[in-house]
Amino acid sequence: MIRELAITDFPSIQEKTPHAQVWDVRDAKSFAEGHIAGAVNKPIELLDASVFANIPLGEPVYVLCGGGTKAGRAVALLESLDPTREYIELKGGTRGARIAGFPLVVEA
């Protein structure tokens, strides 16, 4: 199942579930330039069934990108790989998080 959640509503989820699976589907360079805390880089072009290896069933996967285009494609792809899971597209992405004043993690 695919659901949508505004990026501005995500901090309340993250407080309740600090170990939530948050996948940023941008390329490694874009991810390193700034991503939300707790996100893991899973470039869309590398998504396949193996990405679920260490994800417990029943745990939702939150997906975002820079602004929303790739995240939408990524959740559709993920659902085609495993339709038994819940995917939550974080609308607004990293740009929306930045505009809302969220601190972003930048990797050197």
N, C-alpha and C. Protein backbone atom coordinates (compact mmCIF):
# COMPACT_ATOMS: atom_id res chain seq x y z
N MET A 1 0.84 -1.17 0.00
CA MET A 1 0.00 0.00 0.00
C MET A 1 0.89 1.25 0.00
N ILE A 2 0.52 2.21 -0.79
CA ILE A 2 1.24 3.48 -0.86
C ILE A 2 0.39 4.57 -0.22
N ARG A 3 1.00 5.31 0.68
CA ARG A 3 0.34 6.47 1.27
C ARG A 3 1.24 7.68 1.07
N GLU A 4 0.69 8.85 1.26
CA GLU A 4 1.46 10.08 1.16
C GLU A 4 1.42 10.80 2.50
N LEU A 5 2.53 11.47 2.82
CA LEU A 5 2.63 12.25 4.05
C LEU A 5 3.46 13.49 3.73
N ALA A 6 2.99 14.64 4.12
CA ALA A 6 3.76 15.86 3.91
C ALA A 6 5.04 15.80 4.74
N ILE A 7 6.13 16.22 4.15
CA ILE A 7 7.41 16.21 4.87
C ILE A 7 7.31 17.00 6.17
N THR A 8 6.49 18.02 6.19
CA THR A 8 6.35 18.83 7.40
C THR A 8 5.66 18.07 8.54
N ASP A 9 4.96 16.98 8.22
CA ASP A 9 4.34 16.15 9.25
C ASP A 9 5.25 15.02 9.72
N PHE A 10 6.36 14.83 9.07
CA PHE A 10 7.23 13.71 9.38
C PHE A 10 7.90 13.80 10.75
N PRO A 11 8.32 14.96 11.24
CA PRO A 11 9.00 14.98 12.55
C PRO A 11 8.19 14.34 13.67
N SER A 12 6.88 14.48 13.66
CA SER A 12 6.07 13.86 14.72
C SER A 12 6.13 12.34 14.61
N ILE A 13 6.20 11.82 13.40
CA ILE A 13 6.35 10.37 13.19
C ILE A 13 7.72 9.94 13.68
N GLN A 14 8.75 10.70 13.32
CA GLN A 14 10.12 10.35 13.67
C GLN A 14 10.32 10.35 15.19
N GLU A 15 9.63 11.23 15.89
CA GLU A 15 9.73 11.24 17.35
C GLU A 15 9.15 9.97 17.95
N LYS A 16 8.04 9.50 17.40
CA LYS A 16 7.40 8.28 17.90
C LYS A 16 8.14 7.02 17.46
N THR A 17 8.76 7.09 16.30
CA THR A 17 9.45 5.93 15.72
C THR A 17 10.86 6.35 15.29
N PRO A 18 11.77 6.50 16.25
CA PRO A 18 13.11 7.01 15.91
C PRO A 18 13.91 6.12 14.96
N HIS A 19 13.54 4.86 14.85
CA HIS A 19 14.28 3.95 13.97
C HIS A 19 13.52 3.65 12.69
N ALA A 20 12.66 4.57 12.29
CA ALA A 20 11.87 4.38 11.07
C ALA A 20 12.80 4.22 9.87
N GLN A 21 12.37 3.40 8.92
CA GLN A 21 13.12 3.21 7.67
C GLN A 21 12.82 4.40 6.76
N VAL A 22 13.82 5.27 6.56
CA VAL A 22 13.67 6.44 5.70
C VAL A 22 14.68 6.30 4.57
N TRP A 23 14.17 6.17 3.36
CA TRP A 23 15.03 5.98 2.21
C TRP A 23 14.99 7.21 1.31
N ASP A 24 16.16 7.77 1.07
CA ASP A 24 16.33 8.89 0.16
C ASP A 24 16.79 8.29 -1.16
N VAL A 25 16.00 8.44 -2.21
CA VAL A 25 16.27 7.73 -3.46
C VAL A 25 17.05 8.54 -4.48
N ARG A 26 17.64 9.65 -4.03
CA ARG A 26 18.49 10.45 -4.94
C ARG A 26 19.85 9.78 -5.10
N ASP A 27 20.64 10.29 -6.04
CA ASP A 27 21.99 9.75 -6.24
C ASP A 27 22.87 10.11 -5.03
N ALA A 28 23.99 9.44 -4.91
CA ALA A 28 24.87 9.60 -3.75
C ALA A 28 25.37 11.03 -3.59
N LYS A 29 25.67 11.71 -4.68
CA LYS A 29 26.18 13.08 -4.61
C LYS A 29 25.13 14.02 -4.02
N SER A 30 23.90 13.93 -4.52
CA SER A 30 22.82 14.78 -4.01
C SER A 30 22.53 14.47 -2.54
N PHE A 31 22.55 13.19 -2.19
CA PHE A 31 22.32 12.78 -0.81
C PHE A 31 23.38 13.39 0.11
N ALA A 32 24.64 13.32 -0.30
CA ALA A 32 25.74 13.85 0.51
C ALA A 32 25.65 15.37 0.68
N GLU A 33 25.06 16.05 -0.29
CA GLU A 33 24.95 17.51 -0.22
C GLU A 33 23.90 17.97 0.78
N GLY A 34 23.06 17.06 1.25
CA GLY A 34 22.08 17.40 2.28
C GLY A 34 20.90 16.46 2.29
N HIS A 35 20.66 15.83 3.45
CA HIS A 35 19.53 14.92 3.61
C HIS A 35 18.99 15.03 5.03
N ILE A 36 17.77 14.55 5.24
CA ILE A 36 17.20 14.63 6.58
C ILE A 36 17.88 13.59 7.48
N ALA A 37 17.95 13.91 8.75
CA ALA A 37 18.58 13.01 9.72
C ALA A 37 17.87 11.66 9.72
N GLY A 38 18.65 10.61 9.76
CA GLY A 38 18.10 9.26 9.80
C GLY A 38 17.85 8.63 8.45
N ALA A 39 17.96 9.42 7.39
CA ALA A 39 17.73 8.87 6.05
C ALA A 39 18.90 8.02 5.60
N VAL A 40 18.59 7.00 4.82
CA VAL A 40 19.60 6.12 4.24
C VAL A 40 19.51 6.30 2.72
N ASN A 41 20.67 6.39 2.08
CA ASN A 41 20.69 6.57 0.64
C ASN A 41 20.43 5.24 -0.07
N LYS A 42 19.34 5.21 -0.83
CA LYS A 42 18.96 4.05 -1.65
C LYS A 42 18.62 4.58 -3.04
N PRO A 43 19.65 4.86 -3.87
CA PRO A 43 19.37 5.42 -5.20
C PRO A 43 18.35 4.60 -5.98
N ILE A 44 17.43 5.31 -6.61
CA ILE A 44 16.33 4.65 -7.31
C ILE A 44 16.83 3.63 -8.33
N GLU A 45 17.93 3.93 -8.99
CA GLU A 45 18.41 3.00 -10.02
C GLU A 45 18.99 1.71 -9.43
N LEU A 46 19.18 1.65 -8.11
CA LEU A 46 19.71 0.44 -7.47
C LEU A 46 18.64 -0.34 -6.71
N LEU A 47 17.40 0.13 -6.74
CA LEU A 47 16.34 -0.56 -5.99
C LEU A 47 15.98 -1.88 -6.67
N ASP A 48 16.04 -2.94 -5.88
CA ASP A 48 15.59 -4.25 -6.32
C ASP A 48 15.13 -5.00 -5.07
N ALA A 49 14.72 -6.23 -5.22
CA ALA A 49 14.15 -6.98 -4.10
C ALA A 49 15.12 -7.15 -2.93
N SER A 50 16.41 -7.03 -3.17
CA SER A 50 17.39 -7.21 -2.09
C SER A 50 17.33 -6.10 -1.04
N VAL A 51 16.73 -4.96 -1.35
CA VAL A 51 16.69 -3.85 -0.39
C VAL A 51 15.84 -4.20 0.84
N PHE A 52 15.02 -5.22 0.74
CA PHE A 52 14.16 -5.60 1.86
C PHE A 52 14.80 -6.62 2.81
N ALA A 53 16.02 -7.02 2.52
CA ALA A 53 16.66 -8.11 3.27
C ALA A 53 16.63 -7.91 4.78
N ASN A 54 16.87 -6.72 5.27
CA ASN A 54 16.95 -6.49 6.71
C ASN A 54 15.80 -5.65 7.25
N ILE A 55 14.72 -5.57 6.51
CA ILE A 55 13.57 -4.77 6.93
C ILE A 55 12.48 -5.71 7.42
N PRO A 56 12.13 -5.62 8.70
CA PRO A 56 11.07 -6.51 9.21
C PRO A 56 9.74 -6.27 8.50
N LEU A 57 9.01 -7.34 8.28
CA LEU A 57 7.66 -7.21 7.71
C LEU A 57 6.81 -6.40 8.67
N GLY A 58 5.93 -5.61 8.14
CA GLY A 58 5.05 -4.79 8.97
C GLY A 58 5.62 -3.42 9.30
N GLU A 59 6.88 -3.21 8.98
CA GLU A 59 7.49 -1.91 9.23
C GLU A 59 7.38 -1.06 7.98
N PRO A 60 6.76 0.13 8.06
CA PRO A 60 6.62 0.96 6.86
C PRO A 60 7.97 1.51 6.39
N VAL A 61 8.04 1.79 5.11
CA VAL A 61 9.24 2.40 4.52
C VAL A 61 8.84 3.79 4.04
N TYR A 62 9.54 4.80 4.56
CA TYR A 62 9.31 6.19 4.18
C TYR A 62 10.29 6.52 3.06
N VAL A 63 9.78 7.12 1.98
CA VAL A 63 10.60 7.37 0.80
C VAL A 63 10.51 8.85 0.43
N LEU A 64 11.68 9.44 0.16
CA LEU A 64 11.71 10.83 -0.30
C LEU A 64 12.85 11.02 -1.28
N CYS A 65 12.82 12.16 -1.93
CA CYS A 65 13.87 12.55 -2.86
C CYS A 65 14.10 14.04 -2.67
N GLY A 66 14.55 14.72 -3.69
CA GLY A 66 14.78 16.16 -3.58
C GLY A 66 13.50 16.96 -3.52
N GLY A 67 12.56 16.63 -4.40
CA GLY A 67 11.34 17.42 -4.46
C GLY A 67 10.08 16.60 -4.65
N GLY A 68 10.18 15.37 -5.08
CA GLY A 68 8.99 14.54 -5.21
C GLY A 68 8.89 13.66 -6.43
N THR A 69 9.61 13.96 -7.48
CA THR A 69 9.47 13.19 -8.72
C THR A 69 9.97 11.75 -8.57
N LYS A 70 11.19 11.60 -8.10
CA LYS A 70 11.78 10.26 -7.96
C LYS A 70 11.08 9.44 -6.88
N ALA A 71 10.67 10.08 -5.81
CA ALA A 71 10.02 9.35 -4.71
C ALA A 71 8.75 8.67 -5.20
N GLY A 72 7.97 9.35 -6.01
CA GLY A 72 6.75 8.76 -6.55
C GLY A 72 7.04 7.53 -7.40
N ARG A 73 8.06 7.64 -8.24
CA ARG A 73 8.45 6.49 -9.07
C ARG A 73 9.01 5.37 -8.19
N ALA A 74 9.76 5.74 -7.16
CA ALA A 74 10.38 4.74 -6.28
C ALA A 74 9.33 3.94 -5.51
N VAL A 75 8.32 4.60 -4.95
CA VAL A 75 7.31 3.84 -4.19
C VAL A 75 6.53 2.91 -5.11
N ALA A 76 6.28 3.34 -6.33
CA ALA A 76 5.60 2.46 -7.29
C ALA A 76 6.46 1.24 -7.60
N LEU A 77 7.75 1.46 -7.79
CA LEU A 77 8.67 0.36 -8.05
C LEU A 77 8.74 -0.57 -6.85
N LEU A 78 8.90 -0.01 -5.66
CA LEU A 78 8.98 -0.83 -4.45
C LEU A 78 7.72 -1.67 -4.25
N GLU A 79 6.56 -1.06 -4.50
CA GLU A 79 5.32 -1.81 -4.35
C GLU A 79 5.24 -2.95 -5.36
N SER A 80 5.78 -2.75 -6.55
CA SER A 80 5.79 -3.83 -7.54
C SER A 80 6.73 -4.96 -7.11
N LEU A 81 7.78 -4.63 -6.35
CA LEU A 81 8.72 -5.63 -5.87
C LEU A 81 8.17 -6.40 -4.68
N ASP A 82 7.45 -5.70 -3.79
CA ASP A 82 6.87 -6.33 -2.61
C ASP A 82 5.57 -5.62 -2.24
N PRO A 83 4.45 -6.08 -2.77
CA PRO A 83 3.16 -5.42 -2.52
C PRO A 83 2.61 -5.64 -1.11
N THR A 84 3.27 -6.44 -0.29
CA THR A 84 2.78 -6.71 1.06
C THR A 84 3.18 -5.64 2.06
N ARG A 85 4.04 -4.73 1.66
CA ARG A 85 4.56 -3.71 2.58
C ARG A 85 3.82 -2.38 2.43
N GLU A 86 4.04 -1.51 3.42
CA GLU A 86 3.48 -0.16 3.37
C GLU A 86 4.59 0.82 3.01
N TYR A 87 4.34 1.64 2.01
CA TYR A 87 5.29 2.65 1.55
C TYR A 87 4.67 4.02 1.75
N ILE A 88 5.43 4.92 2.33
CA ILE A 88 4.92 6.25 2.59
C ILE A 88 5.81 7.25 1.88
N GLU A 89 5.25 7.91 0.87
CA GLU A 89 5.98 8.91 0.11
C GLU A 89 5.94 10.23 0.88
N LEU A 90 7.11 10.75 1.22
CA LEU A 90 7.20 12.02 1.94
C LEU A 90 7.16 13.15 0.93
N LYS A 91 5.98 13.75 0.79
CA LYS A 91 5.76 14.81 -0.20
C LYS A 91 6.51 16.08 0.18
N GLY A 92 7.18 16.64 -0.79
CA GLY A 92 7.96 17.87 -0.57
C GLY A 92 9.45 17.58 -0.51
N GLY A 93 9.79 16.37 -0.13
CA GLY A 93 11.17 15.94 -0.14
C GLY A 93 12.13 16.80 0.67
N THR A 94 13.38 16.68 0.31
CA THR A 94 14.44 17.40 1.02
C THR A 94 14.30 18.90 0.84
N ARG A 95 13.89 19.34 -0.35
CA ARG A 95 13.68 20.79 -0.54
C ARG A 95 12.61 21.32 0.40
N GLY A 96 11.53 20.57 0.54
CA GLY A 96 10.47 20.96 1.45
C GLY A 96 10.94 20.99 2.90
N ALA A 97 11.79 20.04 3.25
CA ALA A 97 12.35 20.00 4.60
C ALA A 97 13.22 21.23 4.84
N ARG A 98 14.04 21.56 3.86
CA ARG A 98 14.92 22.73 3.98
C ARG A 98 14.09 24.01 4.15
N ILE A 99 13.07 24.17 3.32
CA ILE A 99 12.20 25.36 3.38
C ILE A 99 11.51 25.44 4.75
N ALA A 100 11.13 24.30 5.30
CA ALA A 100 10.45 24.26 6.59
C ALA A 100 11.42 24.48 7.76
N GLY A 101 12.70 24.57 7.46
CA GLY A 101 13.69 24.83 8.51
C GLY A 101 14.26 23.60 9.18
N PHE A 102 14.04 22.43 8.61
CA PHE A 102 14.62 21.22 9.20
C PHE A 102 16.13 21.27 9.05
N PRO A 103 16.86 20.83 10.04
CA PRO A 103 18.32 20.72 9.87
C PRO A 103 18.63 19.58 8.91
N LEU A 104 19.52 19.81 7.98
CA LEU A 104 19.91 18.77 7.05
C LEU A 104 21.32 18.30 7.39
N VAL A 105 21.58 17.05 7.14
CA VAL A 105 22.90 16.46 7.36
C VAL A 105 23.68 16.60 6.06
N VAL A 106 24.86 17.19 6.15
CA VAL A 106 25.73 17.34 4.99
C VAL A 106 26.98 16.52 5.23
N GLU A 107 27.34 15.70 4.26
CA GLU A 107 28.52 14.85 4.37
C GLU A 107 29.67 15.50 3.62
N ALA A 108 30.81 15.48 4.25
CA ALA A 108 32.00 16.09 3.62
C ALA A 108 32.56 15.23 2.52
